[in-house]
Amino acid sequence: MAVSAPSRSIVTVNPATGDRLASYEPYSPARLDAVLARAAAAFPAWRAFGFERRRAALERVGAHLRREKAAIAAIATREMGKPIAEAEAEVEKCAGACDYFAAHAGSFLADERADSNAARSYVAFRPLGVILAIMPWNFPFWQVFRFAAPALMAGNVGVLKHASNVTECALEIERIFNACELPEGVFSTLVVDGSAMQDVVADPRVAAVSLTGSEGAGSAVAATAGKHLKKTVLELGGSDAFIVLADADLEAAAKVALRARFQNTGQSCIAAKRFIVERPVYRAFIDAFVAQARSLRAGDPMDAQTQIGPLARADLRDALERQVDESLGAGAALELGGRRLERPGFFYAPTIVSGVTAAMPMFREETFGPAAAIVEAQDAEHALALANDSTYGLGGNLWTRDVARAEALAVRFASGGVFINGMTASDPRLPFGGIKRSGHGRELSHYGIKEFVNIQTVWIGPAQG
């Protein structure tokens, strides 16, 4: 394949200190070609393994993740600043996904009888081949295993291009699969600059692409994949609404709002970002939310008591600071935070801004960090209209004691998921994905595993009239 490898090294930085961690030389075109060749060569044998042998292999991966959880989690904390308690929970979640798809992939992909004019006909689900996964830094293990567990159990093989700032996480994932004795080439990592991706996506050995990342990256990859007629699943940005109606349990809503906004230091596509509150409880919710947020502890992400770590990169902190400052300059009110923390690294204080309107950056743009925008709604219909007034459509929350009313509103909630009286989260048992500019396709559950299979009709004659 014709790939011009960039000469510059990939450098990783500890966002809690700003210190350099490591430098990696991008794979040469020859090495990149060799990885793709091994993946393509591994596919026929892995497909022939069958569900039981693949199940045993994935169960070994899950067991390894649990056994080495502390060491694996520490890599994520060093590279992207995730508080260590959350990093360990992420690794545990990866193990759970391995267990879930190991147990259920066989039934999800079992042949399905289909009536026709044949003597017998059925629908079968066949693996596609080499699936390229382009993954982000914010959940450096979960994003990958969320893709890999179902894709590998379906009989595909995986090649990972991870975000450059979590290169050690990417290499660790490859080491985990190798340590668990999966055949060579079943899962590989590419240490390359993003500029190489157009050629990799176009490579005929790559059958399909799964991307989680920015809107711009998704659009570029989808354009290249479309040119070469390849399937894509895209999970892109989000600006999830967290609607609080007048009859909601405010104490419970404020408590969940804290986690929904500030988990992973607010760096999550499915984090609640726009808190849309009905007028009669607007001030009461703000007060309850601010009281909860004052308890957040920011600091060294290696400390198990830390809840707010640094942002993953300096430019991310700069972008969040601009969004907050511009919204305040346009008339919003600062309720909490709104400043950098005076310490090394890329820290920003937990921030709550009220009086946000639909014209402000904190409403119109995705805020990726520990800053919450609170918007006042006249009534439930206005709240829903505000929630849908976004180019994004990933997830959303709706808080009310009237569940029947919430379900009726959910019909018109323009998002891939609606969580009533709870927090948006990905769960292997439920499909995950968005609409509008939040992407297309689904991950997880039996819907997700079928995204990267050939849904094959098998017709056996003679015709029966």
Protein backbone atom coordinates (compact mmCIF):
# COMPACT_ATOMS: atom_id res chain seq x y z
CA MET A 1 0.00 0.00 0.00
CA ALA A 2 1.18 3.53 -0.72
CA VAL A 3 1.49 5.27 2.63
CA SER A 4 3.89 8.14 3.23
CA ALA A 5 4.88 7.81 6.88
CA PRO A 6 5.43 11.12 8.70
CA SER A 7 8.93 11.60 10.05
CA ARG A 8 7.92 13.22 13.32
CA SER A 9 7.68 11.13 16.47
CA ILE A 10 4.49 10.59 18.43
CA VAL A 11 5.01 12.10 21.89
CA THR A 12 2.78 11.41 24.88
CA VAL A 13 2.43 13.80 27.82
CA ASN A 14 1.18 13.34 31.38
CA PRO A 15 -1.71 15.85 31.55
CA ALA A 16 -1.51 16.03 35.35
CA THR A 17 2.01 17.47 35.20
CA GLY A 18 2.65 18.52 31.62
CA ASP A 19 5.74 16.28 31.60
CA ARG A 20 6.70 14.17 28.61
CA LEU A 21 6.02 10.47 29.06
CA ALA A 22 7.35 8.73 25.95
CA SER A 23 8.16 9.08 22.29
CA TYR A 24 7.16 6.57 19.61
CA GLU A 25 8.36 6.28 16.05
CA PRO A 26 5.43 5.84 13.66
CA TYR A 27 5.34 2.55 11.82
CA SER A 28 7.07 2.64 8.47
CA PRO A 29 4.97 1.91 5.37
CA ALA A 30 6.53 -1.56 5.27
CA ARG A 31 5.64 -2.32 8.88
CA LEU A 32 2.11 -0.97 8.47
CA ASP A 33 1.69 -3.16 5.39
CA ALA A 34 2.94 -6.17 7.34
CA VAL A 35 0.36 -5.61 10.11
CA LEU A 36 -2.47 -5.50 7.59
CA ALA A 37 -1.09 -8.57 5.83
CA ARG A 38 -1.00 -10.54 9.11
CA ALA A 39 -4.55 -9.46 9.92
CA ALA A 40 -5.82 -10.56 6.52
CA ALA A 41 -3.98 -13.89 6.83
CA ALA A 42 -5.39 -14.48 10.33
CA PHE A 43 -9.02 -14.01 9.31
CA PRO A 44 -9.78 -17.41 7.65
CA ALA A 45 -8.47 -19.40 10.61
CA TRP A 46 -10.15 -17.19 13.22
CA ARG A 47 -13.45 -17.45 11.36
CA ALA A 48 -13.06 -21.24 11.35
CA PHE A 49 -12.48 -21.31 15.13
CA GLY A 50 -16.20 -21.30 15.75
CA PHE A 51 -18.04 -19.74 18.65
CA GLU A 52 -16.83 -22.08 21.39
CA ARG A 53 -13.13 -21.57 20.75
CA ARG A 54 -13.58 -17.84 20.29
CA ARG A 55 -15.63 -17.80 23.49
CA ALA A 56 -12.81 -19.43 25.45
CA ALA A 57 -10.31 -16.93 24.05
CA LEU A 58 -12.43 -13.93 24.97
CA GLU A 59 -13.06 -15.30 28.46
CA ARG A 60 -9.28 -15.45 28.91
CA VAL A 61 -9.10 -11.79 27.93
CA GLY A 62 -11.76 -10.88 30.49
CA ALA A 63 -9.96 -12.79 33.22
CA HIS A 64 -6.66 -11.10 32.32
CA LEU A 65 -8.25 -7.65 32.50
CA ARG A 66 -9.55 -8.33 36.00
CA ARG A 67 -6.29 -9.88 37.19
CA GLU A 68 -4.17 -6.96 35.92
CA LYS A 69 -6.75 -4.22 36.48
CA ALA A 70 -4.62 -1.94 38.65
CA ALA A 71 -1.62 -1.93 36.31
CA ILE A 72 -3.73 -1.50 33.18
CA ALA A 73 -5.76 1.34 34.71
CA ALA A 74 -2.61 3.19 35.75
CA ILE A 75 -1.56 3.47 32.10
CA ALA A 76 -4.76 5.35 31.26
CA THR A 77 -4.36 7.63 34.26
CA ARG A 78 -0.80 8.52 33.27
CA GLU A 79 -1.61 9.11 29.61
CA MET A 80 -4.95 10.93 29.70
CA GLY A 81 -5.48 11.89 33.35
CA LYS A 82 -8.50 9.76 34.23
CA PRO A 83 -8.92 9.51 38.02
CA ILE A 84 -7.55 6.11 38.99
CA ALA A 85 -10.78 4.87 40.59
CA GLU A 86 -12.63 5.57 37.34
CA ALA A 87 -9.82 4.00 35.30
CA GLU A 88 -10.09 0.77 37.28
CA ALA A 89 -13.86 0.80 36.81
CA GLU A 90 -13.31 1.20 33.07
CA VAL A 91 -11.06 -1.86 32.93
CA GLU A 92 -13.65 -3.84 34.89
CA LYS A 93 -16.31 -2.75 32.40
CA CYS A 94 -14.15 -4.02 29.55
CA ALA A 95 -13.92 -7.40 31.24
CA GLY A 96 -17.69 -7.44 31.59
CA ALA A 97 -18.13 -6.78 27.87
CA CYS A 98 -15.80 -9.67 27.06
CA ASP A 99 -17.83 -11.97 29.29
CA TYR A 100 -21.13 -10.76 27.87
CA PHE A 101 -20.31 -11.27 24.21
CA ALA A 102 -18.48 -14.52 24.92
CA ALA A 103 -21.69 -15.81 26.47
CA HIS A 104 -24.21 -14.40 23.98
CA ALA A 105 -22.59 -14.05 20.55
CA GLY A 106 -23.53 -17.59 19.55
CA SER A 107 -27.22 -17.00 20.15
CA PHE A 108 -27.13 -13.49 18.67
CA LEU A 109 -25.67 -14.82 15.42
CA ALA A 110 -27.45 -18.18 15.19
CA ASP A 111 -29.04 -18.96 11.84
CA GLU A 112 -32.59 -17.66 11.57
CA ARG A 113 -35.24 -19.64 9.73
CA ALA A 114 -36.97 -17.65 6.99
CA ASP A 115 -40.11 -18.80 5.17
CA SER A 116 -39.98 -18.59 1.39
CA ASN A 117 -40.78 -20.68 -1.64
CA ALA A 118 -37.67 -22.81 -1.01
CA ALA A 119 -37.62 -26.29 0.42
CA ARG A 120 -35.64 -24.60 3.19
CA SER A 121 -34.30 -21.08 3.62
CA TYR A 122 -32.57 -19.22 6.38
CA VAL A 123 -30.56 -16.13 7.20
CA ALA A 124 -26.94 -16.58 8.30
CA PHE A 125 -24.53 -14.05 9.79
CA ARG A 126 -21.01 -14.30 8.38
CA PRO A 127 -17.98 -12.23 9.46
CA LEU A 128 -16.70 -9.58 7.06
CA GLY A 129 -12.94 -9.79 7.62
CA VAL A 130 -10.52 -7.11 8.81
CA ILE A 131 -12.31 -4.32 10.69
CA LEU A 132 -10.41 -1.09 11.26
CA ALA A 133 -11.17 0.59 14.59
CA ILE A 134 -10.29 4.28 14.91
CA MET A 135 -10.72 5.14 18.57
CA PRO A 136 -10.48 8.20 20.88
CA TRP A 137 -8.53 8.87 24.04
CA ASN A 138 -11.30 9.61 26.56
CA PHE A 139 -12.13 5.99 27.41
CA PRO A 140 -8.96 4.47 26.01
CA PHE A 141 -9.78 0.88 26.96
CA TRP A 142 -13.59 0.79 26.96
CA GLN A 143 -13.97 2.34 23.50
CA VAL A 144 -11.74 -0.38 22.06
CA PHE A 145 -13.19 -3.36 23.90
CA ARG A 146 -16.72 -2.13 23.18
CA PHE A 147 -15.81 -2.66 19.52
CA ALA A 148 -13.49 -5.63 19.83
CA ALA A 149 -15.55 -8.01 21.96
CA PRO A 150 -18.51 -8.30 19.56
CA ALA A 151 -16.44 -7.93 16.38
CA LEU A 152 -14.03 -10.70 17.31
CA MET A 153 -16.75 -13.00 18.61
CA ALA A 154 -18.49 -12.61 15.24
CA GLY A 155 -15.33 -14.00 13.60
CA ASN A 156 -13.81 -10.75 12.36
CA VAL A 157 -10.27 -9.62 13.13
CA GLY A 158 -9.43 -6.14 14.37
CA VAL A 159 -6.82 -3.51 13.59
CA LEU A 160 -6.68 -0.52 15.94
CA LYS A 161 -5.64 3.05 15.22
CA HIS A 162 -5.86 4.70 18.60
CA ALA A 163 -5.54 8.39 19.49
CA SER A 164 -1.87 9.30 19.55
CA ASN A 165 -1.92 10.66 23.11
CA VAL A 166 -2.82 7.17 24.43
CA THR A 167 -0.30 5.18 22.42
CA GLU A 168 0.81 3.11 25.43
CA CYS A 169 -2.83 2.15 26.06
CA ALA A 170 -3.06 1.02 22.44
CA LEU A 171 0.05 -1.12 22.69
CA GLU A 172 -1.15 -2.54 26.01
CA ILE A 173 -4.40 -3.69 24.38
CA GLU A 174 -2.44 -5.54 21.72
CA ARG A 175 -0.27 -7.10 24.45
CA ILE A 176 -3.39 -8.24 26.32
CA PHE A 177 -4.76 -10.12 23.32
CA ASN A 178 -1.36 -11.68 22.65
CA ALA A 179 -0.94 -12.67 26.31
CA CYS A 180 -4.29 -14.44 26.15
CA GLU A 181 -3.09 -16.59 23.26
CA LEU A 182 -5.27 -15.31 20.48
CA PRO A 183 -3.75 -16.24 17.11
CA GLU A 184 -1.24 -13.80 15.69
CA GLY A 185 -2.92 -11.05 13.72
CA VAL A 186 -6.39 -11.40 15.22
CA PHE A 187 -5.95 -8.06 16.98
CA SER A 188 -3.22 -5.57 16.10
CA THR A 189 -2.33 -1.96 16.80
CA LEU A 190 -1.08 0.58 14.28
CA VAL A 191 1.21 3.27 15.67
CA VAL A 192 0.74 5.83 12.93
CA ASP A 193 -0.19 9.45 12.51
CA GLY A 194 -3.78 10.22 11.65
CA SER A 195 -2.68 11.38 8.21
CA ALA A 196 -2.10 7.73 7.26
CA MET A 197 -5.74 6.77 7.82
CA GLN A 198 -7.06 7.68 4.40
CA ASP A 199 -4.79 5.08 2.81
CA VAL A 200 -5.55 2.46 5.47
CA VAL A 201 -9.31 2.90 5.10
CA ALA A 202 -8.92 2.57 1.34
CA ASP A 203 -6.76 -0.56 1.57
CA PRO A 204 -8.63 -3.52 0.03
CA ARG A 205 -7.73 -5.74 2.98
CA VAL A 206 -9.88 -3.56 5.26
CA ALA A 207 -13.52 -4.64 5.02
CA ALA A 208 -15.19 -2.01 7.23
CA VAL A 209 -14.48 0.78 9.71
CA SER A 210 -15.69 1.59 13.21
CA LEU A 211 -14.88 5.10 14.40
CA THR A 212 -15.56 6.85 17.66
CA GLY A 213 -14.36 10.43 17.66
CA SER A 214 -14.97 13.94 16.46
CA GLU A 215 -17.47 15.03 13.86
CA GLY A 216 -14.64 16.09 11.56
CA ALA A 217 -12.81 12.77 11.82
CA GLY A 218 -16.03 10.84 11.25
CA SER A 219 -16.92 12.86 8.18
CA ALA A 220 -13.46 12.39 6.66
CA VAL A 221 -13.35 8.65 7.30
CA ALA A 222 -16.92 8.15 6.09
CA ALA A 223 -16.11 10.00 2.86
CA THR A 224 -13.13 7.76 2.16
CA ALA A 225 -15.00 4.60 3.14
CA GLY A 226 -17.95 5.62 0.99
CA LYS A 227 -15.70 6.19 -2.00
CA HIS A 228 -14.49 2.61 -1.60
CA LEU A 229 -17.97 1.24 -0.75
CA LYS A 230 -17.13 0.15 2.79
CA LYS A 231 -19.44 -0.07 5.77
CA THR A 232 -18.87 2.36 8.64
CA VAL A 233 -20.22 2.70 12.15
CA LEU A 234 -19.69 6.20 13.53
CA GLU A 235 -20.12 7.31 17.14
CA LEU A 236 -19.36 11.02 17.14
CA GLY A 237 -19.92 14.01 19.37
CA GLY A 238 -22.80 14.73 21.69
CA SER A 239 -24.40 17.58 23.57
CA ASP A 240 -26.84 15.58 25.63
CA ALA A 241 -29.79 17.31 27.25
CA PHE A 242 -30.67 16.60 30.88
CA ILE A 243 -34.29 17.72 31.22
CA VAL A 244 -35.64 18.38 34.71
CA LEU A 245 -39.41 18.88 34.85
CA ALA A 246 -41.24 20.64 37.66
CA ASP A 247 -42.42 17.41 39.29
CA ALA A 248 -38.96 15.75 39.34
CA ASP A 249 -37.24 14.49 42.45
CA LEU A 250 -34.77 17.37 42.59
CA GLU A 251 -32.47 15.81 45.16
CA ALA A 252 -32.09 12.65 43.10
CA ALA A 253 -31.78 14.60 39.86
CA ALA A 254 -29.02 16.84 41.25
CA LYS A 255 -27.11 13.86 42.59
CA VAL A 256 -27.20 12.04 39.27
CA ALA A 257 -26.49 15.28 37.40
CA LEU A 258 -23.18 15.52 39.25
CA ARG A 259 -21.99 12.17 37.93
CA ALA A 260 -23.62 12.64 34.53
CA ARG A 261 -21.66 15.85 33.93
CA PHE A 262 -18.40 15.39 35.81
CA GLN A 263 -17.56 11.70 35.36
CA ASN A 264 -14.25 11.34 33.50
CA THR A 265 -13.71 15.06 34.20
CA GLY A 266 -16.60 15.78 31.85
CA GLN A 267 -14.76 14.30 28.87
CA SER A 268 -17.43 12.01 27.49
CA CYS A 269 -19.58 12.10 24.36
CA ILE A 270 -22.59 10.93 26.37
CA ALA A 271 -22.07 13.19 29.36
CA ALA A 272 -25.02 15.42 30.19
CA LYS A 273 -24.02 18.88 28.98
CA ARG A 274 -27.14 21.01 28.66
CA PHE A 275 -29.26 20.97 31.83
CA ILE A 276 -32.70 22.16 30.73
CA VAL A 277 -34.85 22.92 33.77
CA GLU A 278 -38.53 23.84 33.92
CA ARG A 279 -39.10 27.33 35.32
CA PRO A 280 -40.86 26.47 38.64
CA VAL A 281 -37.82 24.46 39.86
CA TYR A 282 -35.07 26.28 37.96
CA ARG A 283 -33.46 28.05 40.92
CA ALA A 284 -33.96 25.14 43.29
CA PHE A 285 -32.21 22.76 40.90
CA ILE A 286 -29.30 25.16 40.43
CA ASP A 287 -28.83 25.43 44.18
CA ALA A 288 -28.98 21.66 44.65
CA PHE A 289 -26.59 21.02 41.75
CA VAL A 290 -24.07 23.61 42.92
CA ALA A 291 -24.20 22.20 46.46
CA GLN A 292 -23.37 18.76 45.07
CA ALA A 293 -20.57 20.06 42.84
CA ARG A 294 -18.83 21.95 45.67
CA SER A 295 -17.92 18.58 47.14
CA LEU A 296 -15.94 17.47 44.09
CA ARG A 297 -12.29 16.88 44.81
CA ALA A 298 -9.82 17.87 42.09
CA GLY A 299 -6.19 16.80 42.20
CA ASP A 300 -3.68 14.07 41.46
CA PRO A 301 -5.50 11.49 39.33
CA MET A 302 -3.38 8.73 40.87
CA ASP A 303 -5.01 9.47 44.24
CA ALA A 304 -8.02 7.18 44.72
CA GLN A 305 -9.94 10.04 46.37
CA THR A 306 -9.65 12.34 43.34
CA GLN A 307 -12.85 12.90 41.37
CA ILE A 308 -11.71 15.60 38.93
CA GLY A 309 -8.47 15.11 37.08
CA PRO A 310 -6.84 17.21 34.38
CA LEU A 311 -8.15 17.60 30.89
CA ALA A 312 -6.29 15.30 28.56
CA ARG A 313 -4.53 18.05 26.60
CA ALA A 314 -3.79 21.75 26.96
CA ASP A 315 -5.78 22.63 23.82
CA LEU A 316 -8.86 20.95 25.29
CA ARG A 317 -8.63 23.12 28.39
CA ASP A 318 -8.20 26.19 26.19
CA ALA A 319 -11.30 25.31 24.16
CA LEU A 320 -13.43 24.78 27.26
CA GLU A 321 -12.20 28.03 28.78
CA ARG A 322 -13.19 29.89 25.60
CA GLN A 323 -16.69 28.38 25.60
CA VAL A 324 -17.26 29.35 29.22
CA ASP A 325 -15.82 32.86 28.85
CA GLU A 326 -17.79 33.60 25.68
CA SER A 327 -21.03 32.37 27.23
CA LEU A 328 -20.46 34.54 30.31
CA GLY A 329 -19.66 37.47 28.07
CA ALA A 330 -22.98 36.94 26.29
CA GLY A 331 -24.94 37.21 29.53
CA ALA A 332 -24.78 33.87 31.28
CA ALA A 333 -24.11 33.78 35.04
CA LEU A 334 -21.28 31.96 36.80
CA GLU A 335 -22.54 29.78 39.65
CA LEU A 336 -19.32 27.84 40.36
CA GLY A 337 -15.75 27.61 39.10
CA GLY A 338 -15.01 29.20 35.76
CA ARG A 339 -11.22 29.20 36.05
CA ARG A 340 -8.07 27.18 35.63
CA LEU A 341 -6.67 25.56 38.74
CA GLU A 342 -3.35 26.99 39.84
CA ARG A 343 -1.26 23.85 39.62
CA PRO A 344 0.85 22.04 37.03
CA GLY A 345 -1.01 20.19 34.31
CA PHE A 346 -4.19 20.93 32.39
CA PHE A 347 -6.72 21.40 35.20
CA TYR A 348 -9.97 23.37 35.05
CA ALA A 349 -12.23 23.86 38.03
CA PRO A 350 -15.66 22.17 38.13
CA THR A 351 -17.88 24.84 36.60
CA ILE A 352 -21.62 25.53 36.51
CA VAL A 353 -23.05 28.33 34.36
CA SER A 354 -26.71 29.36 34.51
CA GLY A 355 -28.76 31.57 32.21
CA VAL A 356 -27.37 29.85 29.12
CA THR A 357 -29.37 30.49 25.97
CA ALA A 358 -29.51 28.71 22.64
CA ALA A 359 -27.23 31.31 21.04
CA MET A 360 -24.29 30.72 23.40
CA PRO A 361 -21.28 28.44 22.79
CA MET A 362 -22.07 26.30 25.83
CA PHE A 363 -25.39 25.42 24.20
CA ARG A 364 -24.49 25.28 20.51
CA GLU A 365 -21.11 23.51 20.80
CA GLU A 366 -20.05 20.30 22.48
CA THR A 367 -18.35 21.13 25.79
CA PHE A 368 -15.74 18.49 26.53
CA GLY A 369 -14.70 19.06 30.13
CA PRO A 370 -16.01 19.83 33.62
CA ALA A 371 -18.45 22.62 32.76
CA ALA A 372 -22.26 22.43 32.93
CA ALA A 373 -24.69 24.74 31.12
CA ILE A 374 -28.08 25.35 32.77
CA VAL A 375 -30.95 26.52 30.58
CA GLU A 376 -34.38 27.68 31.74
CA ALA A 377 -37.45 26.20 30.02
CA GLN A 378 -40.98 27.62 30.21
CA ASP A 379 -42.63 24.20 30.32
CA ALA A 380 -42.15 20.56 29.24
CA GLU A 381 -42.79 21.26 25.56
CA HIS A 382 -40.29 24.10 25.58
CA ALA A 383 -37.76 21.86 27.34
CA LEU A 384 -38.12 19.21 24.65
CA ALA A 385 -37.79 21.80 21.90
CA LEU A 386 -34.58 23.09 23.49
CA ALA A 387 -33.23 19.57 23.84
CA ASN A 388 -33.85 18.88 20.14
CA ASP A 389 -32.38 22.24 19.09
CA SER A 390 -28.96 20.72 18.48
CA THR A 391 -27.01 19.27 15.62
CA TYR A 392 -26.23 16.33 17.92
CA GLY A 393 -28.46 13.42 18.84
CA LEU A 394 -26.56 10.91 20.95
CA GLY A 395 -28.32 10.51 24.30
CA GLY A 396 -30.56 12.37 26.68
CA ASN A 397 -32.12 12.35 30.14
CA LEU A 398 -35.61 13.18 31.31
CA TRP A 399 -36.50 13.62 34.98
CA THR A 400 -40.12 13.52 36.17
CA ARG A 401 -42.27 11.51 38.56
CA ASP A 402 -44.79 10.95 35.73
CA VAL A 403 -43.15 8.10 33.83
CA ALA A 404 -46.02 7.75 31.35
CA ARG A 405 -45.60 11.39 30.42
CA ALA A 406 -41.86 10.88 30.07
CA GLU A 407 -42.37 7.96 27.72
CA ALA A 408 -44.71 10.08 25.60
CA LEU A 409 -42.07 12.82 25.41
CA ALA A 410 -39.39 10.25 24.58
CA VAL A 411 -41.18 9.50 21.32
CA ARG A 412 -40.19 12.98 20.13
CA PHE A 413 -36.75 13.12 21.76
CA ALA A 414 -34.32 13.28 18.82
CA SER A 415 -31.56 11.07 20.19
CA GLY A 416 -30.24 7.54 20.03
CA GLY A 417 -31.16 6.94 23.66
CA VAL A 418 -33.43 8.41 26.32
CA PHE A 419 -32.79 7.66 30.00
CA ILE A 420 -35.76 8.45 32.23
CA ASN A 421 -34.89 9.26 35.85
CA GLY A 422 -31.36 7.98 35.34
CA MET A 423 -28.00 8.66 33.75
CA THR A 424 -27.04 7.95 30.16
CA ALA A 425 -24.51 5.11 30.06
CA SER A 426 -23.38 2.43 27.63
CA ASP A 427 -24.36 -1.11 28.59
CA PRO A 428 -23.42 -4.25 26.61
CA ARG A 429 -27.05 -5.36 26.81
CA LEU A 430 -28.41 -2.22 25.12
CA PRO A 431 -27.75 -0.74 21.67
CA PHE A 432 -25.61 2.39 21.71
CA GLY A 433 -25.30 5.12 19.09
CA GLY A 434 -26.74 8.35 17.82
CA ILE A 435 -28.52 10.21 15.05
CA LYS A 436 -27.96 13.51 13.27
CA ARG A 437 -24.32 14.63 13.56
CA SER A 438 -23.69 12.20 16.40
CA GLY A 439 -23.16 9.47 13.83
CA HIS A 440 -24.88 6.37 12.56
CA GLY A 441 -24.99 2.67 13.27
CA ARG A 442 -25.09 0.95 16.64
CA GLU A 443 -22.63 -0.71 18.97
CA LEU A 444 -23.29 -3.27 21.70
CA SER A 445 -26.21 -5.70 22.16
CA HIS A 446 -27.40 -7.98 19.37
CA TYR A 447 -27.86 -4.91 17.16
CA GLY A 448 -24.22 -3.91 17.46
CA ILE A 449 -22.72 -7.31 16.76
CA LYS A 450 -24.70 -7.48 13.49
CA GLU A 451 -23.21 -4.24 12.16
CA PHE A 452 -20.07 -6.05 11.01
CA VAL A 453 -21.46 -9.22 9.52
CA ASN A 454 -22.69 -10.25 6.10
CA ILE A 455 -26.40 -10.95 6.55
CA GLN A 456 -26.53 -13.81 4.09
CA THR A 457 -29.67 -15.39 2.64
CA VAL A 458 -29.39 -19.14 2.08
CA TRP A 459 -32.07 -20.63 -0.22
CA ILE A 460 -32.26 -24.40 -0.75
CA GLY A 461 -34.38 -25.76 -3.58
CA PRO A 462 -36.33 -27.00 -5.24
CA ALA A 463 -38.91 -24.25 -5.22
CA GLN A 464 -42.15 -25.22 -3.53
CA GLY A 465 -44.54 -23.40 -5.81
